[in-house]
Amino acid sequence: METVMEDEEYNYREVILPSLLPVVPEPALERETGERRRGRDILIAIDHGPKSKHAFDWALIHFLRLADTIHLVHAVSSVRNDVVYETSQALMEKLAVEAFEVAMVRTKARIVEGDAGKVICKEAERLKPAAVVMGTRGRSLIQSVFHGSVSEYCFHNCKSAPVIIVPGKEAGDESLI
């Protein structure tokens, strides 16, 4: 897998989300002003793991509000691989439906080719979101030092938005959600 260079353009594929989601007009928030009325852009980095799903669920319940738009970003080794694209698209469709049902927010999705940390930071730079939400991989401190961590990379290198790293849910701990 090639890594994305800082000034290099990168490959991506937009995800066509299900047309089953109803088109909802902008909410009429008479007493609200500015950002609340327009809604915010929130970038959520996802993969196929449970920690990523937990971070997505946390964002829906604790962070998102009406009129927000979530941007799902999934990093892959190749956007030309149809099997990878279709698997990722199915995941994003499922999450888009869940986001609408739970928080009534709009969803946009993009599958991006390259090193996960770098493409998440590139997408954050492009979108200028209110926040970047991501889960942890669950590695120990020593494993993270030797292998690196996507969330740690984003925490140190995403300059255009605050990064929210949602810790993984411990076994048997249902109080987080």
C-alpha atoms as a PDB file:
ATOM      1  CA  MET A   1       0.000   0.000   0.000  1.00  0.00           C
ATOM      2  CA  GLU A   2       1.339   3.384  -0.968  1.00  0.00           C
ATOM      3  CA  THR A   3       1.150   6.159   1.532  1.00  0.00           C
ATOM      4  CA  VAL A   4      -0.295   9.551   0.748  1.00  0.00           C
ATOM      5  CA  MET A   5       2.263  12.311   0.612  1.00  0.00           C
ATOM      6  CA  GLU A   6       1.380  15.617   2.219  1.00  0.00           C
ATOM      7  CA  ASP A   7       0.954  17.575  -1.044  1.00  0.00           C
ATOM      8  CA  GLU A   8      -0.132  14.648  -3.185  1.00  0.00           C
ATOM      9  CA  GLU A   9      -3.665  14.193  -4.485  1.00  0.00           C
ATOM     10  CA  TYR A  10      -5.228  10.910  -3.385  1.00  0.00           C
ATOM     11  CA  ASN A  11      -7.720   8.422  -4.803  1.00  0.00           C
ATOM     12  CA  TYR A  12     -11.195   8.022  -3.385  1.00  0.00           C
ATOM     13  CA  ARG A  13     -14.670   6.827  -4.337  1.00  0.00           C
ATOM     14  CA  GLU A  14     -17.828   8.480  -3.130  1.00  0.00           C
ATOM     15  CA  VAL A  15     -20.314   6.032  -1.675  1.00  0.00           C
ATOM     16  CA  ILE A  16     -23.862   6.112  -2.986  1.00  0.00           C
ATOM     17  CA  LEU A  17     -25.969   5.805   0.135  1.00  0.00           C
ATOM     18  CA  PRO A  18     -29.410   4.202   0.052  1.00  0.00           C
ATOM     19  CA  SER A  19     -32.231   6.163  -1.492  1.00  0.00           C
ATOM     20  CA  LEU A  20     -34.540   4.620   1.107  1.00  0.00           C
ATOM     21  CA  LEU A  21     -33.685   7.438   3.472  1.00  0.00           C
ATOM     22  CA  PRO A  22     -36.354  10.137   3.295  1.00  0.00           C
ATOM     23  CA  VAL A  23     -35.373  13.643   2.298  1.00  0.00           C
ATOM     24  CA  VAL A  24     -35.948  15.811   5.331  1.00  0.00           C
ATOM     25  CA  PRO A  25     -36.050  19.598   5.055  1.00  0.00           C
ATOM     26  CA  GLU A  26     -33.710  21.700   7.151  1.00  0.00           C
ATOM     27  CA  PRO A  27     -35.078  21.974  10.683  1.00  0.00           C
ATOM     28  CA  ALA A  28     -36.669  25.262  11.605  1.00  0.00           C
ATOM     29  CA  LEU A  29     -34.806  26.255  14.731  1.00  0.00           C
ATOM     30  CA  GLU A  30     -36.226  29.712  15.361  1.00  0.00           C
ATOM     31  CA  ARG A  31     -34.411  30.490  18.585  1.00  0.00           C
ATOM     32  CA  GLU A  32     -31.130  28.993  17.493  1.00  0.00           C
ATOM     33  CA  THR A  33     -28.409  30.878  15.671  1.00  0.00           C
ATOM     34  CA  GLY A  34     -25.298  30.302  13.636  1.00  0.00           C
ATOM     35  CA  GLU A  35     -23.691  26.895  13.771  1.00  0.00           C
ATOM     36  CA  ARG A  36     -26.626  25.214  15.493  1.00  0.00           C
ATOM     37  CA  ARG A  37     -29.049  26.230  12.751  1.00  0.00           C
ATOM     38  CA  ARG A  38     -26.741  25.312   9.880  1.00  0.00           C
ATOM     39  CA  GLY A  39     -25.551  22.159  11.504  1.00  0.00           C
ATOM     40  CA  ARG A  40     -21.999  20.984  11.792  1.00  0.00           C
ATOM     41  CA  ASP A  41     -19.895  18.658   9.709  1.00  0.00           C
ATOM     42  CA  ILE A  42     -18.587  15.774  11.821  1.00  0.00           C
ATOM     43  CA  LEU A  43     -16.023  13.371  10.353  1.00  0.00           C
ATOM     44  CA  ILE A  44     -16.227   9.816  11.697  1.00  0.00           C
ATOM     45  CA  ALA A  45     -13.424   7.416  10.763  1.00  0.00           C
ATOM     46  CA  ILE A  46     -14.764   3.887  10.453  1.00  0.00           C
ATOM     47  CA  ASP A  47     -13.573   0.394   9.724  1.00  0.00           C
ATOM     48  CA  HIS A  48     -15.100  -3.050  10.136  1.00  0.00           C
ATOM     49  CA  GLY A  49     -14.081  -3.453  13.786  1.00  0.00           C
ATOM     50  CA  PRO A  50     -16.152  -3.248  16.969  1.00  0.00           C
ATOM     51  CA  LYS A  51     -14.138  -0.313  18.373  1.00  0.00           C
ATOM     52  CA  SER A  52     -15.045   1.765  15.337  1.00  0.00           C
ATOM     53  CA  LYS A  53     -18.723   0.849  15.703  1.00  0.00           C
ATOM     54  CA  HIS A  54     -18.572   1.797  19.379  1.00  0.00           C
ATOM     55  CA  ALA A  55     -17.134   5.237  18.474  1.00  0.00           C
ATOM     56  CA  PHE A  56     -19.887   5.676  15.864  1.00  0.00           C
ATOM     57  CA  ASP A  57     -22.559   4.768  18.433  1.00  0.00           C
ATOM     58  CA  TRP A  58     -21.017   7.136  20.986  1.00  0.00           C
ATOM     59  CA  ALA A  59     -21.074   9.995  18.481  1.00  0.00           C
ATOM     60  CA  LEU A  60     -24.741   9.335  17.622  1.00  0.00           C
ATOM     61  CA  ILE A  61     -25.855   9.280  21.226  1.00  0.00           C
ATOM     62  CA  HIS A  62     -23.603  11.807  22.932  1.00  0.00           C
ATOM     63  CA  PHE A  63     -22.289  14.215  20.323  1.00  0.00           C
ATOM     64  CA  LEU A  64     -24.501  14.669  17.261  1.00  0.00           C
ATOM     65  CA  ARG A  65     -27.490  16.972  17.121  1.00  0.00           C
ATOM     66  CA  LEU A  66     -30.240  17.744  14.675  1.00  0.00           C
ATOM     67  CA  ALA A  67     -29.064  19.415  11.432  1.00  0.00           C
ATOM     68  CA  ASP A  68     -25.541  17.932  11.668  1.00  0.00           C
ATOM     69  CA  THR A  69     -24.027  16.036   8.754  1.00  0.00           C
ATOM     70  CA  ILE A  70     -21.733  13.115   9.412  1.00  0.00           C
ATOM     71  CA  HIS A  71     -19.015  12.252   6.940  1.00  0.00           C
ATOM     72  CA  LEU A  72     -18.000   8.608   7.153  1.00  0.00           C
ATOM     73  CA  VAL A  73     -14.448   7.948   5.995  1.00  0.00           C
ATOM     74  CA  HIS A  74     -13.020   4.485   5.462  1.00  0.00           C
ATOM     75  CA  ALA A  75      -9.389   3.975   4.403  1.00  0.00           C
ATOM     76  CA  VAL A  76      -8.615   1.009   2.146  1.00  0.00           C
ATOM     77  CA  SER A  77      -5.578  -0.290   0.289  1.00  0.00           C
ATOM     78  CA  SER A  78      -7.228   0.064  -3.144  1.00  0.00           C
ATOM     79  CA  VAL A  79     -10.412   1.807  -4.239  1.00  0.00           C
ATOM     80  CA  ARG A  80     -10.336  -0.112  -7.515  1.00  0.00           C
ATOM     81  CA  ASN A  81     -10.950  -3.449  -5.777  1.00  0.00           C
ATOM     82  CA  ASP A  82     -14.696  -4.028  -6.231  1.00  0.00           C
ATOM     83  CA  VAL A  83     -14.957  -6.575  -3.399  1.00  0.00           C
ATOM     84  CA  VAL A  84     -13.418  -4.126  -0.921  1.00  0.00           C
ATOM     85  CA  TYR A  85     -15.591  -1.288  -2.239  1.00  0.00           C
ATOM     86  CA  GLU A  86     -18.833  -3.290  -2.041  1.00  0.00           C
ATOM     87  CA  THR A  87     -18.071  -4.527   1.482  1.00  0.00           C
ATOM     88  CA  SER A  88     -17.272  -1.002   2.627  1.00  0.00           C
ATOM     89  CA  GLN A  89     -20.326   0.398   0.865  1.00  0.00           C
ATOM     90  CA  ALA A  90     -22.586  -2.114   2.639  1.00  0.00           C
ATOM     91  CA  LEU A  91     -21.137  -1.081   6.006  1.00  0.00           C
ATOM     92  CA  MET A  92     -21.602   2.610   5.243  1.00  0.00           C
ATOM     93  CA  GLU A  93     -25.191   2.097   4.039  1.00  0.00           C
ATOM     94  CA  LYS A  94     -26.025   0.304   7.274  1.00  0.00           C
ATOM     95  CA  LEU A  95     -24.453   3.082   9.352  1.00  0.00           C
ATOM     96  CA  ALA A  96     -26.239   5.798   7.328  1.00  0.00           C
ATOM     97  CA  VAL A  97     -29.621   4.206   7.987  1.00  0.00           C
ATOM     98  CA  GLU A  98     -28.800   3.822  11.685  1.00  0.00           C
ATOM     99  CA  ALA A  99     -27.642   7.459  11.900  1.00  0.00           C
ATOM    100  CA  PHE A 100     -30.910   8.664  10.413  1.00  0.00           C
ATOM    101  CA  GLU A 101     -33.041   6.434  12.653  1.00  0.00           C
ATOM    102  CA  VAL A 102     -31.208   7.315  15.874  1.00  0.00           C
ATOM    103  CA  ALA A 103     -30.172  10.956  15.472  1.00  0.00           C
ATOM    104  CA  MET A 104     -31.961  12.133  12.287  1.00  0.00           C
ATOM    105  CA  VAL A 105     -28.700  13.373  10.781  1.00  0.00           C
ATOM    106  CA  ARG A 106     -27.596  13.365   7.159  1.00  0.00           C
ATOM    107  CA  THR A 107     -24.747  11.120   6.125  1.00  0.00           C
ATOM    108  CA  LYS A 108     -22.133  11.363   3.395  1.00  0.00           C
ATOM    109  CA  ALA A 109     -19.552   8.662   2.869  1.00  0.00           C
ATOM    110  CA  ARG A 110     -16.219   8.318   1.144  1.00  0.00           C
ATOM    111  CA  ILE A 111     -13.836   5.403   0.719  1.00  0.00           C
ATOM    112  CA  VAL A 112     -10.278   6.691   0.485  1.00  0.00           C
ATOM    113  CA  GLU A 113      -7.144   4.892  -0.685  1.00  0.00           C
ATOM    114  CA  GLY A 114      -3.977   5.048   1.382  1.00  0.00           C
ATOM    115  CA  ASP A 115      -2.551   5.015   4.870  1.00  0.00           C
ATOM    116  CA  ALA A 116      -5.468   5.431   7.313  1.00  0.00           C
ATOM    117  CA  GLY A 117      -3.981   8.170   9.493  1.00  0.00           C
ATOM    118  CA  LYS A 118      -2.848  10.286   6.579  1.00  0.00           C
ATOM    119  CA  VAL A 119      -6.083  10.063   4.603  1.00  0.00           C
ATOM    120  CA  ILE A 120      -8.199  10.838   7.679  1.00  0.00           C
ATOM    121  CA  CYS A 121      -6.140  13.983   8.259  1.00  0.00           C
ATOM    122  CA  LYS A 122      -6.424  14.874   4.537  1.00  0.00           C
ATOM    123  CA  GLU A 123     -10.195  14.483   4.679  1.00  0.00           C
ATOM    124  CA  ALA A 124     -10.314  16.611   7.829  1.00  0.00           C
ATOM    125  CA  GLU A 125      -8.304  19.283   6.039  1.00  0.00           C
ATOM    126  CA  ARG A 126     -10.691  19.143   3.064  1.00  0.00           C
ATOM    127  CA  LEU A 127     -13.911  19.238   5.136  1.00  0.00           C
ATOM    128  CA  LYS A 128     -12.848  21.457   8.042  1.00  0.00           C
ATOM    129  CA  PRO A 129     -15.247  19.562  10.365  1.00  0.00           C
ATOM    130  CA  ALA A 130     -16.262  20.568  13.872  1.00  0.00           C
ATOM    131  CA  ALA A 131     -14.607  17.337  15.097  1.00  0.00           C
ATOM    132  CA  VAL A 132     -13.027  14.074  13.990  1.00  0.00           C
ATOM    133  CA  VAL A 133     -14.402  11.074  15.904  1.00  0.00           C
ATOM    134  CA  MET A 134     -12.601   7.747  15.931  1.00  0.00           C
ATOM    135  CA  GLY A 135     -12.193   4.641  18.039  1.00  0.00           C
ATOM    136  CA  THR A 136      -9.104   3.041  19.452  1.00  0.00           C
ATOM    137  CA  ARG A 137      -7.548  -0.125  18.184  1.00  0.00           C
ATOM    138  CA  GLY A 138      -7.178  -1.516  21.679  1.00  0.00           C
ATOM    139  CA  ARG A 139      -3.442  -2.072  21.591  1.00  0.00           C
ATOM    140  CA  SER A 140      -1.339  -1.844  24.684  1.00  0.00           C
ATOM    141  CA  LEU A 141       1.092   1.034  25.135  1.00  0.00           C
ATOM    142  CA  ILE A 142       4.058  -1.124  24.098  1.00  0.00           C
ATOM    143  CA  GLN A 143       2.292  -2.415  20.970  1.00  0.00           C
ATOM    144  CA  SER A 144       1.367   1.143  19.987  1.00  0.00           C
ATOM    145  CA  VAL A 145       4.977   2.271  20.348  1.00  0.00           C
ATOM    146  CA  PHE A 146       6.244  -0.498  18.056  1.00  0.00           C
ATOM    147  CA  HIS A 147       3.431  -0.560  15.490  1.00  0.00           C
ATOM    148  CA  GLY A 148       2.044   2.959  15.712  1.00  0.00           C
ATOM    149  CA  SER A 149      -1.573   3.919  16.056  1.00  0.00           C
ATOM    150  CA  VAL A 150      -3.940   5.591  13.617  1.00  0.00           C
ATOM    151  CA  SER A 151      -5.725   7.467  16.398  1.00  0.00           C
ATOM    152  CA  GLU A 152      -2.410   8.646  17.840  1.00  0.00           C
ATOM    153  CA  TYR A 153      -1.248   9.788  14.397  1.00  0.00           C
ATOM    154  CA  CYS A 154      -4.477  11.742  13.851  1.00  0.00           C
ATOM    155  CA  PHE A 155      -4.319  13.211  17.346  1.00  0.00           C
ATOM    156  CA  HIS A 156      -0.889  14.672  16.616  1.00  0.00           C
ATOM    157  CA  ASN A 157      -1.322  15.570  12.937  1.00  0.00           C
ATOM    158  CA  CYS A 158      -4.924  16.710  12.325  1.00  0.00           C
ATOM    159  CA  LYS A 159      -4.563  20.466  12.556  1.00  0.00           C
ATOM    160  CA  SER A 160      -7.952  21.504  11.140  1.00  0.00           C
ATOM    161  CA  ALA A 161     -10.262  19.951  13.756  1.00  0.00           C
ATOM    162  CA  PRO A 162     -10.231  18.550  17.279  1.00  0.00           C
ATOM    163  CA  VAL A 163      -9.866  14.776  17.403  1.00  0.00           C
ATOM    164  CA  ILE A 164     -12.154  12.816  19.733  1.00  0.00           C
ATOM    165  CA  ILE A 165     -10.806   9.346  20.473  1.00  0.00           C
ATOM    166  CA  VAL A 166     -13.528   7.176  22.001  1.00  0.00           C
ATOM    167  CA  PRO A 167     -12.054   4.478  24.243  1.00  0.00           C
ATOM    168  CA  GLY A 168     -13.179   0.940  23.582  1.00  0.00           C
ATOM    169  CA  LYS A 169     -15.964  -0.589  25.590  1.00  0.00           C
ATOM    170  CA  GLU A 170     -14.706  -3.048  28.193  1.00  0.00           C
ATOM    171  CA  ALA A 171     -16.233  -6.522  28.299  1.00  0.00           C
ATOM    172  CA  GLY A 172     -19.396  -6.442  30.366  1.00  0.00           C
ATOM    173  CA  ASP A 173     -19.519  -2.626  30.540  1.00  0.00           C
ATOM    174  CA  GLU A 174     -22.873  -1.649  29.047  1.00  0.00           C
ATOM    175  CA  SER A 175     -23.053   1.730  30.814  1.00  0.00           C
ATOM    176  CA  LEU A 176     -21.113   3.548  28.092  1.00  0.00           C
ATOM    177  CA  ILE A 177     -24.012   3.418  25.659  1.00  0.00           C
END
